[in-house]
Amino acid sequence: MRDDRDSAAAPPSAPYSARVFDALVLGGSAGCTEVMSQLLAALPADFALAVLVVSHLPADTPSYLLETLSYRCALPVIEPDSGEAVVAGRVHIAPPGYHMLVDDDRSIVLSVDASVRFSRPSIDVLFESAAHAFASGLLGILLSGANDDGTHGLEVIRALGGVAWVQDPQTASSATMPRAAIARGAVDDVLSPTLMAQRLAALPAST
């Protein structure tokens, strides 16, 4: 694990701008919306990765996440239906009240199975399924939140060859979620939102 606040820490084995990913999964809860907006606003219109987003949104509460992220992001932003393919250069948001999974054929599955970590949609559910679908081609980012949802998902991402970033808890409105992942060692980098945005913007563009 490397904290970007430590200037003496060793750099990654290869620059992230040289690492090829197929997909980005992004999860958070309390206090995450503004950071999600900041990260997605940094993505260029030719961003090469498929993006999958989950925030804890109960079915009985109006959600403005789709509208908010669409306004800030140059990529198309959708709430997908079950069976839709995961598409590069598109942002797929888990609908309120539904778990969103990625099947082995890289299609979307929406589920009303029981809550996980007291949440539906659950970050762990998306992260773990996407890790199996994309393996080393997956970048996972865990943001501000009030419980430990997402920690197990990051562990699976790393176990299958992917990369895990978490928001620096000192910059998080609710630090429980990133701190839980750090405590479990489920992290490759601990980054401020600004540095995350810079690294995402530097990932290879589609050709």
N, C-alpha and C. Protein backbone atom coordinates (compact mmCIF):
# COMPACT_ATOMS: atom_id res chain seq x y z
N MET A 1 0.85 -1.19 0.00
CA MET A 1 0.00 0.00 0.00
C MET A 1 0.88 1.23 0.00
N ARG A 2 0.50 2.23 -0.74
CA ARG A 2 1.29 3.45 -0.81
C ARG A 2 0.38 4.64 -0.62
N ASP A 3 0.75 5.54 0.26
CA ASP A 3 -0.01 6.75 0.55
C ASP A 3 0.64 7.90 -0.19
N ASP A 4 -0.13 8.65 -1.01
CA ASP A 4 0.46 9.71 -1.80
C ASP A 4 0.93 10.88 -0.95
N ARG A 5 0.61 10.87 0.36
CA ARG A 5 1.12 11.91 1.25
C ARG A 5 2.57 11.66 1.62
N ASP A 6 3.08 10.43 1.37
CA ASP A 6 4.44 10.08 1.74
C ASP A 6 5.32 10.20 0.51
N SER A 7 6.08 11.28 0.42
CA SER A 7 6.88 11.53 -0.78
C SER A 7 8.02 10.55 -0.92
N ALA A 8 8.37 9.83 0.18
CA ALA A 8 9.48 8.89 0.12
C ALA A 8 9.04 7.50 -0.30
N ALA A 9 7.74 7.29 -0.45
CA ALA A 9 7.24 5.96 -0.79
C ALA A 9 7.70 5.58 -2.19
N ALA A 10 7.88 4.28 -2.39
CA ALA A 10 8.32 3.80 -3.70
C ALA A 10 7.21 3.98 -4.72
N PRO A 11 7.55 4.32 -5.97
CA PRO A 11 6.53 4.47 -7.00
C PRO A 11 5.99 3.11 -7.41
N PRO A 12 4.80 3.06 -8.07
CA PRO A 12 4.30 1.80 -8.57
C PRO A 12 5.29 1.18 -9.54
N SER A 13 5.17 -0.14 -9.75
CA SER A 13 6.10 -0.84 -10.61
C SER A 13 6.03 -0.36 -12.05
N ALA A 14 4.89 0.15 -12.47
CA ALA A 14 4.75 0.74 -13.80
C ALA A 14 3.81 1.93 -13.66
N PRO A 15 4.04 3.02 -14.41
CA PRO A 15 3.15 4.17 -14.31
C PRO A 15 1.72 3.77 -14.65
N TYR A 16 0.74 4.34 -13.92
CA TYR A 16 -0.65 4.00 -14.21
C TYR A 16 -1.03 4.44 -15.61
N SER A 17 -0.36 5.47 -16.13
CA SER A 17 -0.66 5.90 -17.49
C SER A 17 -0.27 4.85 -18.52
N ALA A 18 0.58 3.87 -18.11
CA ALA A 18 0.99 2.80 -19.03
C ALA A 18 0.21 1.52 -18.80
N ARG A 19 -0.56 1.45 -17.72
CA ARG A 19 -1.31 0.25 -17.39
C ARG A 19 -2.59 0.21 -18.22
N VAL A 20 -2.90 -0.93 -18.80
CA VAL A 20 -4.09 -1.06 -19.63
C VAL A 20 -5.20 -1.69 -18.79
N PHE A 21 -6.29 -0.96 -18.61
CA PHE A 21 -7.48 -1.46 -17.93
C PHE A 21 -8.63 -1.55 -18.93
N ASP A 22 -9.56 -2.44 -18.64
CA ASP A 22 -10.78 -2.54 -19.44
C ASP A 22 -11.96 -1.85 -18.78
N ALA A 23 -11.95 -1.79 -17.46
CA ALA A 23 -13.11 -1.25 -16.75
C ALA A 23 -12.68 -0.60 -15.45
N LEU A 24 -13.51 0.35 -15.02
CA LEU A 24 -13.37 1.06 -13.76
C LEU A 24 -14.64 0.86 -12.96
N VAL A 25 -14.52 0.40 -11.71
CA VAL A 25 -15.67 0.35 -10.81
C VAL A 25 -15.45 1.38 -9.71
N LEU A 26 -16.51 2.08 -9.39
CA LEU A 26 -16.44 3.23 -8.49
C LEU A 26 -17.57 3.09 -7.48
N GLY A 27 -17.23 3.07 -6.19
CA GLY A 27 -18.26 2.89 -5.17
C GLY A 27 -18.09 3.83 -4.01
N GLY A 28 -19.22 4.21 -3.41
CA GLY A 28 -19.19 5.06 -2.24
C GLY A 28 -20.56 5.15 -1.61
N SER A 29 -20.62 5.88 -0.51
CA SER A 29 -21.87 6.03 0.22
C SER A 29 -21.94 7.48 0.69
N ALA A 30 -22.13 7.68 1.97
CA ALA A 30 -22.31 9.03 2.50
C ALA A 30 -21.15 9.94 2.10
N GLY A 31 -21.48 11.05 1.48
CA GLY A 31 -20.47 12.04 1.12
C GLY A 31 -19.71 11.77 -0.15
N CYS A 32 -20.16 10.78 -0.95
CA CYS A 32 -19.37 10.40 -2.13
C CYS A 32 -19.76 11.12 -3.41
N THR A 33 -20.95 11.72 -3.46
CA THR A 33 -21.46 12.20 -4.74
C THR A 33 -20.57 13.28 -5.35
N GLU A 34 -20.11 14.22 -4.55
CA GLU A 34 -19.28 15.29 -5.10
C GLU A 34 -17.96 14.75 -5.61
N VAL A 35 -17.38 13.77 -4.91
CA VAL A 35 -16.12 13.20 -5.37
C VAL A 35 -16.34 12.39 -6.65
N MET A 36 -17.43 11.61 -6.70
CA MET A 36 -17.75 10.91 -7.95
C MET A 36 -17.86 11.89 -9.11
N SER A 37 -18.53 13.00 -8.87
CA SER A 37 -18.68 14.02 -9.91
C SER A 37 -17.33 14.57 -10.35
N GLN A 38 -16.45 14.81 -9.39
CA GLN A 38 -15.12 15.33 -9.70
C GLN A 38 -14.33 14.34 -10.55
N LEU A 39 -14.39 13.05 -10.19
CA LEU A 39 -13.63 12.05 -10.94
C LEU A 39 -14.18 11.87 -12.35
N LEU A 40 -15.50 11.80 -12.47
CA LEU A 40 -16.08 11.60 -13.80
C LEU A 40 -15.90 12.83 -14.68
N ALA A 41 -15.89 14.01 -14.07
CA ALA A 41 -15.66 15.23 -14.85
C ALA A 41 -14.26 15.26 -15.45
N ALA A 42 -13.33 14.52 -14.85
CA ALA A 42 -11.95 14.50 -15.35
C ALA A 42 -11.77 13.56 -16.54
N LEU A 43 -12.74 12.72 -16.82
CA LEU A 43 -12.58 11.73 -17.89
C LEU A 43 -12.80 12.38 -19.25
N PRO A 44 -11.88 12.19 -20.19
CA PRO A 44 -12.06 12.76 -21.53
C PRO A 44 -13.14 12.02 -22.31
N ALA A 45 -13.63 12.64 -23.35
CA ALA A 45 -14.71 12.05 -24.15
C ALA A 45 -14.29 10.76 -24.83
N ASP A 46 -12.97 10.54 -25.01
CA ASP A 46 -12.49 9.31 -25.63
C ASP A 46 -11.96 8.32 -24.59
N PHE A 47 -12.41 8.44 -23.35
CA PHE A 47 -11.98 7.53 -22.29
C PHE A 47 -12.27 6.09 -22.68
N ALA A 48 -11.28 5.23 -22.53
CA ALA A 48 -11.36 3.89 -23.12
C ALA A 48 -12.05 2.86 -22.25
N LEU A 49 -12.22 3.13 -20.96
CA LEU A 49 -12.74 2.12 -20.05
C LEU A 49 -14.25 2.18 -19.94
N ALA A 50 -14.86 1.03 -19.70
CA ALA A 50 -16.23 1.00 -19.21
C ALA A 50 -16.21 1.43 -17.75
N VAL A 51 -17.21 2.20 -17.33
CA VAL A 51 -17.27 2.70 -15.96
C VAL A 51 -18.57 2.19 -15.33
N LEU A 52 -18.45 1.62 -14.14
CA LEU A 52 -19.60 1.11 -13.41
C LEU A 52 -19.61 1.74 -12.02
N VAL A 53 -20.75 2.31 -11.64
CA VAL A 53 -20.83 3.14 -10.44
C VAL A 53 -21.93 2.60 -9.53
N VAL A 54 -21.62 2.51 -8.23
CA VAL A 54 -22.66 2.18 -7.26
C VAL A 54 -22.53 3.11 -6.06
N SER A 55 -23.68 3.66 -5.66
CA SER A 55 -23.79 4.45 -4.44
C SER A 55 -25.00 3.92 -3.69
N HIS A 56 -24.97 3.98 -2.38
CA HIS A 56 -26.07 3.44 -1.57
C HIS A 56 -27.32 4.29 -1.76
N LEU A 57 -28.23 3.82 -2.60
CA LEU A 57 -29.44 4.57 -2.94
C LEU A 57 -30.66 3.68 -2.72
N PRO A 58 -31.41 3.87 -1.64
CA PRO A 58 -32.60 3.04 -1.41
C PRO A 58 -33.68 3.31 -2.44
N ALA A 59 -34.48 2.28 -2.71
CA ALA A 59 -35.48 2.37 -3.78
C ALA A 59 -36.55 3.40 -3.49
N ASP A 60 -36.82 3.69 -2.22
CA ASP A 60 -37.93 4.59 -1.87
C ASP A 60 -37.49 6.04 -1.72
N THR A 61 -36.27 6.35 -2.14
CA THR A 61 -35.75 7.71 -2.04
C THR A 61 -35.42 8.25 -3.43
N PRO A 62 -35.94 9.42 -3.80
CA PRO A 62 -35.59 9.97 -5.12
C PRO A 62 -34.09 10.15 -5.26
N SER A 63 -33.57 9.78 -6.43
CA SER A 63 -32.13 9.90 -6.67
C SER A 63 -31.88 10.89 -7.81
N TYR A 64 -30.93 11.78 -7.56
CA TYR A 64 -30.51 12.72 -8.59
C TYR A 64 -29.11 12.39 -9.08
N LEU A 65 -28.63 11.17 -8.75
CA LEU A 65 -27.26 10.81 -9.11
C LEU A 65 -27.07 10.79 -10.62
N LEU A 66 -28.01 10.18 -11.34
CA LEU A 66 -27.89 10.11 -12.80
C LEU A 66 -27.82 11.51 -13.40
N GLU A 67 -28.71 12.39 -12.97
CA GLU A 67 -28.72 13.76 -13.49
C GLU A 67 -27.44 14.50 -13.11
N THR A 68 -27.00 14.33 -11.87
CA THR A 68 -25.80 15.03 -11.40
C THR A 68 -24.56 14.61 -12.17
N LEU A 69 -24.38 13.29 -12.32
CA LEU A 69 -23.19 12.80 -13.01
C LEU A 69 -23.24 13.08 -14.50
N SER A 70 -24.42 13.01 -15.09
CA SER A 70 -24.56 13.32 -16.52
C SER A 70 -24.16 14.76 -16.81
N TYR A 71 -24.50 15.65 -15.90
CA TYR A 71 -24.19 17.07 -16.10
C TYR A 71 -22.69 17.32 -16.10
N ARG A 72 -21.94 16.55 -15.30
CA ARG A 72 -20.51 16.79 -15.13
C ARG A 72 -19.63 15.98 -16.07
N CYS A 73 -20.17 14.92 -16.66
CA CYS A 73 -19.34 13.94 -17.36
C CYS A 73 -19.49 14.05 -18.87
N ALA A 74 -18.37 13.95 -19.60
CA ALA A 74 -18.41 14.00 -21.07
C ALA A 74 -18.88 12.68 -21.68
N LEU A 75 -18.89 11.61 -20.89
CA LEU A 75 -19.32 10.30 -21.39
C LEU A 75 -20.82 10.14 -21.21
N PRO A 76 -21.45 9.26 -22.00
CA PRO A 76 -22.85 8.94 -21.76
C PRO A 76 -23.02 8.26 -20.40
N VAL A 77 -24.04 8.66 -19.66
CA VAL A 77 -24.31 8.10 -18.34
C VAL A 77 -25.71 7.49 -18.35
N ILE A 78 -25.82 6.21 -17.96
CA ILE A 78 -27.10 5.51 -18.03
C ILE A 78 -27.34 4.70 -16.76
N GLU A 79 -28.61 4.39 -16.49
CA GLU A 79 -29.00 3.32 -15.58
C GLU A 79 -29.36 2.13 -16.47
N PRO A 80 -28.53 1.09 -16.52
CA PRO A 80 -28.76 0.01 -17.49
C PRO A 80 -29.88 -0.92 -17.06
N ASP A 81 -30.39 -1.67 -18.02
CA ASP A 81 -31.32 -2.76 -17.77
C ASP A 81 -30.55 -4.07 -17.70
N SER A 82 -31.14 -5.06 -17.05
CA SER A 82 -30.53 -6.39 -17.04
C SER A 82 -30.35 -6.89 -18.46
N GLY A 83 -29.21 -7.49 -18.72
CA GLY A 83 -28.91 -8.04 -20.04
C GLY A 83 -28.16 -7.11 -20.95
N GLU A 84 -28.11 -5.82 -20.62
CA GLU A 84 -27.34 -4.88 -21.45
C GLU A 84 -25.85 -5.18 -21.33
N ALA A 85 -25.15 -5.03 -22.44
CA ALA A 85 -23.70 -5.22 -22.44
C ALA A 85 -23.03 -4.05 -21.72
N VAL A 86 -21.95 -4.36 -21.02
CA VAL A 86 -21.09 -3.31 -20.47
C VAL A 86 -20.29 -2.72 -21.63
N VAL A 87 -20.38 -1.41 -21.82
CA VAL A 87 -19.83 -0.76 -23.00
C VAL A 87 -18.68 0.16 -22.60
N ALA A 88 -17.57 0.04 -23.30
CA ALA A 88 -16.44 0.94 -23.07
C ALA A 88 -16.84 2.37 -23.39
N GLY A 89 -16.33 3.32 -22.60
CA GLY A 89 -16.65 4.71 -22.82
C GLY A 89 -18.04 5.11 -22.39
N ARG A 90 -18.65 4.32 -21.53
CA ARG A 90 -19.99 4.62 -21.02
C ARG A 90 -19.99 4.43 -19.50
N VAL A 91 -20.77 5.26 -18.80
CA VAL A 91 -20.91 5.16 -17.35
C VAL A 91 -22.23 4.47 -17.04
N HIS A 92 -22.16 3.36 -16.32
CA HIS A 92 -23.32 2.55 -15.95
C HIS A 92 -23.55 2.72 -14.45
N ILE A 93 -24.70 3.25 -14.06
CA ILE A 93 -25.01 3.52 -12.65
C ILE A 93 -26.01 2.50 -12.15
N ALA A 94 -25.74 1.91 -10.99
CA ALA A 94 -26.70 0.98 -10.38
C ALA A 94 -27.98 1.72 -10.02
N PRO A 95 -29.14 1.25 -10.48
CA PRO A 95 -30.40 1.91 -10.14
C PRO A 95 -30.69 1.79 -8.64
N PRO A 96 -31.37 2.76 -8.05
CA PRO A 96 -31.71 2.67 -6.63
C PRO A 96 -32.49 1.39 -6.33
N GLY A 97 -32.11 0.70 -5.25
CA GLY A 97 -32.83 -0.48 -4.82
C GLY A 97 -32.44 -1.77 -5.50
N TYR A 98 -31.47 -1.73 -6.42
CA TYR A 98 -31.04 -2.93 -7.15
C TYR A 98 -29.54 -3.14 -6.98
N HIS A 99 -29.15 -4.39 -6.67
CA HIS A 99 -27.75 -4.75 -6.85
C HIS A 99 -27.44 -4.74 -8.34
N MET A 100 -26.26 -4.27 -8.71
CA MET A 100 -25.81 -4.35 -10.09
C MET A 100 -24.57 -5.23 -10.14
N LEU A 101 -24.63 -6.28 -10.97
CA LEU A 101 -23.54 -7.21 -11.14
C LEU A 101 -23.08 -7.21 -12.59
N VAL A 102 -21.86 -7.70 -12.81
CA VAL A 102 -21.35 -7.94 -14.15
C VAL A 102 -21.23 -9.45 -14.32
N ASP A 103 -21.93 -9.99 -15.31
CA ASP A 103 -21.88 -11.42 -15.58
C ASP A 103 -20.56 -11.78 -16.26
N ASP A 104 -20.30 -13.08 -16.36
CA ASP A 104 -19.04 -13.52 -16.97
C ASP A 104 -18.92 -13.09 -18.43
N ASP A 105 -20.07 -12.89 -19.11
CA ASP A 105 -20.03 -12.43 -20.50
C ASP A 105 -19.99 -10.90 -20.59
N ARG A 106 -19.76 -10.26 -19.45
CA ARG A 106 -19.66 -8.80 -19.36
C ARG A 106 -20.96 -8.10 -19.73
N SER A 107 -22.05 -8.69 -19.29
CA SER A 107 -23.35 -8.04 -19.39
C SER A 107 -23.82 -7.70 -17.98
N ILE A 108 -24.77 -6.76 -17.90
CA ILE A 108 -25.30 -6.29 -16.63
C ILE A 108 -26.37 -7.25 -16.12
N VAL A 109 -26.34 -7.50 -14.82
CA VAL A 109 -27.41 -8.23 -14.14
C VAL A 109 -27.89 -7.34 -12.99
N LEU A 110 -29.19 -7.08 -12.95
CA LEU A 110 -29.79 -6.35 -11.83
C LEU A 110 -30.53 -7.33 -10.94
N SER A 111 -30.38 -7.17 -9.64
CA SER A 111 -30.90 -8.15 -8.69
C SER A 111 -31.58 -7.45 -7.53
N VAL A 112 -32.66 -8.08 -7.03
CA VAL A 112 -33.31 -7.62 -5.81
C VAL A 112 -33.07 -8.61 -4.68
N ASP A 113 -31.96 -9.32 -4.73
CA ASP A 113 -31.57 -10.19 -3.63
C ASP A 113 -31.39 -9.36 -2.35
N ALA A 114 -31.25 -10.05 -1.25
CA ALA A 114 -31.16 -9.39 0.06
C ALA A 114 -30.00 -8.38 0.09
N SER A 115 -30.17 -7.38 0.93
CA SER A 115 -29.13 -6.37 1.11
C SER A 115 -27.82 -7.02 1.56
N VAL A 116 -26.72 -6.43 1.14
CA VAL A 116 -25.39 -6.85 1.56
C VAL A 116 -24.74 -5.66 2.25
N ARG A 117 -24.20 -5.89 3.44
CA ARG A 117 -23.67 -4.78 4.26
C ARG A 117 -24.75 -3.72 4.45
N PHE A 118 -25.98 -4.20 4.64
CA PHE A 118 -27.14 -3.34 4.90
C PHE A 118 -27.50 -2.46 3.71
N SER A 119 -27.05 -2.83 2.53
CA SER A 119 -27.26 -1.95 1.37
C SER A 119 -27.68 -2.74 0.14
N ARG A 120 -28.58 -2.16 -0.61
CA ARG A 120 -28.91 -2.62 -1.97
C ARG A 120 -29.25 -1.39 -2.79
N PRO A 121 -28.35 -0.97 -3.68
CA PRO A 121 -27.20 -1.70 -4.21
C PRO A 121 -26.02 -1.76 -3.24
N SER A 122 -25.24 -2.82 -3.39
CA SER A 122 -24.05 -3.02 -2.59
C SER A 122 -22.80 -2.83 -3.44
N ILE A 123 -21.81 -2.20 -2.84
CA ILE A 123 -20.53 -2.02 -3.52
C ILE A 123 -19.81 -3.36 -3.68
N ASP A 124 -19.80 -4.16 -2.61
CA ASP A 124 -19.14 -5.47 -2.68
C ASP A 124 -19.69 -6.32 -3.82
N VAL A 125 -21.00 -6.32 -4.00
CA VAL A 125 -21.62 -7.14 -5.05
C VAL A 125 -21.11 -6.73 -6.42
N LEU A 126 -21.06 -5.43 -6.70
CA LEU A 126 -20.54 -4.98 -7.99
C LEU A 126 -19.06 -5.28 -8.12
N PHE A 127 -18.27 -4.91 -7.12
CA PHE A 127 -16.82 -5.07 -7.22
C PHE A 127 -16.43 -6.52 -7.42
N GLU A 128 -17.03 -7.43 -6.64
CA GLU A 128 -16.64 -8.84 -6.74
C GLU A 128 -17.02 -9.42 -8.10
N SER A 129 -18.23 -9.14 -8.58
CA SER A 129 -18.64 -9.69 -9.88
C SER A 129 -17.80 -9.11 -11.01
N ALA A 130 -17.50 -7.81 -10.94
CA ALA A 130 -16.67 -7.20 -11.98
C ALA A 130 -15.25 -7.74 -11.95
N ALA A 131 -14.74 -8.07 -10.76
CA ALA A 131 -13.40 -8.65 -10.65
C ALA A 131 -13.32 -9.98 -11.38
N HIS A 132 -14.36 -10.79 -11.26
CA HIS A 132 -14.37 -12.08 -11.96
C HIS A 132 -14.52 -11.88 -13.48
N ALA A 133 -15.24 -10.85 -13.89
CA ALA A 133 -15.44 -10.62 -15.32
C ALA A 133 -14.22 -9.99 -15.99
N PHE A 134 -13.51 -9.11 -15.29
CA PHE A 134 -12.43 -8.34 -15.91
C PHE A 134 -11.03 -8.70 -15.40
N ALA A 135 -10.94 -9.39 -14.27
CA ALA A 135 -9.67 -9.86 -13.71
C ALA A 135 -8.64 -8.72 -13.63
N SER A 136 -7.47 -8.89 -14.27
CA SER A 136 -6.41 -7.89 -14.16
C SER A 136 -6.73 -6.61 -14.92
N GLY A 137 -7.80 -6.61 -15.70
CA GLY A 137 -8.20 -5.42 -16.43
C GLY A 137 -9.10 -4.48 -15.66
N LEU A 138 -9.21 -4.68 -14.33
CA LEU A 138 -10.14 -3.89 -13.53
C LEU A 138 -9.41 -2.95 -12.58
N LEU A 139 -9.88 -1.71 -12.54
CA LEU A 139 -9.45 -0.72 -11.56
C LEU A 139 -10.64 -0.42 -10.66
N GLY A 140 -10.47 -0.61 -9.35
CA GLY A 140 -11.54 -0.33 -8.40
C GLY A 140 -11.20 0.85 -7.52
N ILE A 141 -12.18 1.73 -7.30
CA ILE A 141 -11.98 2.91 -6.46
C ILE A 141 -13.09 2.96 -5.42
N LEU A 142 -12.70 3.09 -4.15
CA LEU A 142 -13.64 3.18 -3.04
C LEU A 142 -13.53 4.57 -2.42
N LEU A 143 -14.69 5.20 -2.24
CA LEU A 143 -14.74 6.59 -1.79
C LEU A 143 -15.34 6.70 -0.39
N SER A 144 -15.70 7.91 -0.03
CA SER A 144 -16.32 8.22 1.25
C SER A 144 -17.54 7.35 1.51
N GLY A 145 -17.71 6.92 2.76
CA GLY A 145 -18.88 6.13 3.11
C GLY A 145 -18.89 5.78 4.58
N ALA A 146 -20.06 5.32 5.06
CA ALA A 146 -20.28 5.18 6.50
C ALA A 146 -20.23 3.74 7.01
N ASN A 147 -19.91 2.76 6.15
CA ASN A 147 -19.72 1.40 6.65
C ASN A 147 -18.57 0.75 5.89
N ASP A 148 -18.44 -0.58 6.01
CA ASP A 148 -17.29 -1.26 5.39
C ASP A 148 -17.63 -1.92 4.06
N ASP A 149 -18.77 -1.58 3.47
CA ASP A 149 -19.10 -2.10 2.14
C ASP A 149 -18.00 -1.69 1.16
N GLY A 150 -17.57 -2.61 0.34
CA GLY A 150 -16.52 -2.34 -0.64
C GLY A 150 -15.17 -2.91 -0.29
N THR A 151 -14.93 -3.15 1.01
CA THR A 151 -13.62 -3.68 1.41
C THR A 151 -13.40 -5.08 0.85
N HIS A 152 -14.37 -5.96 1.03
CA HIS A 152 -14.22 -7.32 0.49
C HIS A 152 -14.09 -7.28 -1.03
N GLY A 153 -14.86 -6.41 -1.67
CA GLY A 153 -14.78 -6.30 -3.12
C GLY A 153 -13.40 -5.89 -3.60
N LEU A 154 -12.77 -4.96 -2.89
CA LEU A 154 -11.40 -4.58 -3.25
C LEU A 154 -10.43 -5.73 -3.05
N GLU A 155 -10.64 -6.53 -2.00
CA GLU A 155 -9.78 -7.70 -1.79
C GLU A 155 -9.87 -8.66 -2.97
N VAL A 156 -11.07 -8.87 -3.48
CA VAL A 156 -11.25 -9.77 -4.62
C VAL A 156 -10.61 -9.17 -5.87
N ILE A 157 -10.80 -7.88 -6.09
CA ILE A 157 -10.17 -7.22 -7.24
C ILE A 157 -8.67 -7.45 -7.23
N ARG A 158 -8.04 -7.23 -6.09
CA ARG A 158 -6.58 -7.39 -6.00
C ARG A 158 -6.18 -8.85 -6.15
N ALA A 159 -6.95 -9.76 -5.58
CA ALA A 159 -6.62 -11.19 -5.67
C ALA A 159 -6.65 -11.68 -7.10
N LEU A 160 -7.48 -11.06 -7.94
CA LEU A 160 -7.61 -11.48 -9.34
C LEU A 160 -6.78 -10.62 -10.28
N GLY A 161 -5.87 -9.82 -9.73
CA GLY A 161 -4.91 -9.10 -10.56
C GLY A 161 -5.24 -7.66 -10.85
N GLY A 162 -6.37 -7.17 -10.36
CA GLY A 162 -6.73 -5.78 -10.58
C GLY A 162 -6.05 -4.85 -9.59
N VAL A 163 -6.42 -3.58 -9.66
CA VAL A 163 -5.80 -2.54 -8.85
C VAL A 163 -6.87 -1.84 -8.03
N ALA A 164 -6.54 -1.52 -6.76
CA ALA A 164 -7.50 -0.92 -5.84
C ALA A 164 -6.97 0.41 -5.30
N TRP A 165 -7.77 1.46 -5.47
CA TRP A 165 -7.48 2.75 -4.87
C TRP A 165 -8.56 3.08 -3.85
N VAL A 166 -8.20 3.81 -2.81
CA VAL A 166 -9.20 4.35 -1.90
C VAL A 166 -8.94 5.84 -1.70
N GLN A 167 -10.03 6.54 -1.41
CA GLN A 167 -9.92 7.96 -1.11
C GLN A 167 -9.18 8.15 0.21
N ASP A 168 -8.28 9.10 0.25
CA ASP A 168 -7.60 9.47 1.49
C ASP A 168 -8.66 9.80 2.55
N PRO A 169 -8.71 9.07 3.67
CA PRO A 169 -9.74 9.34 4.67
C PRO A 169 -9.76 10.79 5.16
N GLN A 170 -8.61 11.45 5.13
CA GLN A 170 -8.57 12.84 5.58
C GLN A 170 -9.36 13.77 4.66
N THR A 171 -9.65 13.33 3.45
CA THR A 171 -10.43 14.14 2.50
C THR A 171 -11.88 13.68 2.40
N ALA A 172 -12.26 12.63 3.14
CA ALA A 172 -13.59 12.03 3.00
C ALA A 172 -14.57 12.64 3.99
N SER A 173 -15.78 12.91 3.53
CA SER A 173 -16.82 13.40 4.43
C SER A 173 -17.16 12.36 5.49
N SER A 174 -17.14 11.09 5.09
CA SER A 174 -17.34 9.98 6.02
C SER A 174 -16.19 9.00 5.79
N ALA A 175 -15.30 8.89 6.74
CA ALA A 175 -14.04 8.17 6.53
C ALA A 175 -14.11 6.68 6.84
N THR A 176 -15.25 6.19 7.34
CA THR A 176 -15.34 4.79 7.75
C THR A 176 -15.01 3.83 6.62
N MET A 177 -15.55 4.08 5.45
CA MET A 177 -15.38 3.16 4.32
C MET A 177 -13.93 3.07 3.86
N PRO A 178 -13.26 4.17 3.56
CA PRO A 178 -11.85 4.03 3.17
C PRO A 178 -10.97 3.50 4.29
N ARG A 179 -11.26 3.88 5.53
CA ARG A 179 -10.44 3.37 6.64
C ARG A 179 -10.58 1.86 6.79
N ALA A 180 -11.78 1.33 6.57
CA ALA A 180 -11.98 -0.11 6.67
C ALA A 180 -11.13 -0.85 5.65
N ALA A 181 -11.09 -0.34 4.42
CA ALA A 181 -10.29 -0.98 3.38
C ALA A 181 -8.80 -0.90 3.70
N ILE A 182 -8.36 0.23 4.19
CA ILE A 182 -6.95 0.40 4.55
C ILE A 182 -6.58 -0.55 5.68
N ALA A 183 -7.45 -0.66 6.68
CA ALA A 183 -7.17 -1.53 7.83
C ALA A 183 -7.03 -2.99 7.42
N ARG A 184 -7.75 -3.40 6.37
CA ARG A 184 -7.68 -4.78 5.89
C ARG A 184 -6.56 -4.99 4.89
N GLY A 185 -5.86 -3.93 4.50
CA GLY A 185 -4.80 -4.07 3.52
C GLY A 185 -5.30 -4.30 2.11
N ALA A 186 -6.55 -3.89 1.84
CA ALA A 186 -7.17 -4.15 0.54
C ALA A 186 -6.93 -3.01 -0.43
N VAL A 187 -5.74 -2.44 -0.44
CA VAL A 187 -5.49 -1.16 -1.10
C VAL A 187 -4.12 -1.17 -1.79
N ASP A 188 -4.06 -0.63 -3.00
CA ASP A 188 -2.78 -0.37 -3.65
C ASP A 188 -2.32 1.07 -3.44
N ASP A 189 -3.27 2.01 -3.42
CA ASP A 189 -2.93 3.42 -3.23
C ASP A 189 -4.01 4.12 -2.43
N VAL A 190 -3.59 5.06 -1.60
CA VAL A 190 -4.48 5.95 -0.86
C VAL A 190 -4.28 7.34 -1.43
N LEU A 191 -5.31 7.88 -2.08
CA LEU A 191 -5.14 9.07 -2.91
C LEU A 191 -6.19 10.13 -2.60
N SER A 192 -5.81 11.37 -2.75
CA SER A 192 -6.78 12.46 -2.71
C SER A 192 -7.63 12.42 -3.97
N PRO A 193 -8.85 12.97 -3.93
CA PRO A 193 -9.66 13.03 -5.15
C PRO A 193 -8.95 13.74 -6.30
N THR A 194 -8.18 14.78 -6.01
CA THR A 194 -7.48 15.50 -7.07
C THR A 194 -6.47 14.60 -7.77
N LEU A 195 -5.70 13.84 -7.01
CA LEU A 195 -4.72 12.96 -7.62
C LEU A 195 -5.39 11.80 -8.35
N MET A 196 -6.48 11.27 -7.79
CA MET A 196 -7.24 10.24 -8.51
C MET A 196 -7.68 10.76 -9.87
N ALA A 197 -8.24 11.95 -9.90
CA ALA A 197 -8.73 12.53 -11.16
C ALA A 197 -7.59 12.68 -12.16
N GLN A 198 -6.43 13.12 -11.70
CA GLN A 198 -5.29 13.28 -12.60
C GLN A 198 -4.85 11.94 -13.17
N ARG A 199 -4.81 10.92 -12.34
CA ARG A 199 -4.39 9.60 -12.82
C ARG A 199 -5.40 9.01 -13.80
N LEU A 200 -6.68 9.17 -13.50
CA LEU A 200 -7.70 8.64 -14.42
C LEU A 200 -7.60 9.33 -15.78
N ALA A 201 -7.42 10.63 -15.78
CA ALA A 201 -7.34 11.37 -17.04
C ALA A 201 -6.12 10.95 -17.86
N ALA A 202 -5.10 10.40 -17.20
CA ALA A 202 -3.87 10.00 -17.90
C ALA A 202 -3.91 8.57 -18.42
N LEU A 203 -4.97 7.82 -18.12
CA LEU A 203 -5.05 6.45 -18.63
C LEU A 203 -5.19 6.47 -20.15
N PRO A 204 -4.76 5.42 -20.85
CA PRO A 204 -4.78 5.42 -22.32
C PRO A 204 -6.17 5.69 -22.88
N ALA A 205 -6.21 6.49 -23.95
CA ALA A 205 -7.46 6.78 -24.64
C ALA A 205 -7.76 5.69 -25.66
N SER A 206 -9.03 5.60 -26.04
CA SER A 206 -9.42 4.63 -27.07
C SER A 206 -8.83 5.04 -28.41
N THR A 207 -8.62 4.04 -29.28
CA THR A 207 -8.03 4.32 -30.59
C THR A 207 -9.03 4.06 -31.70
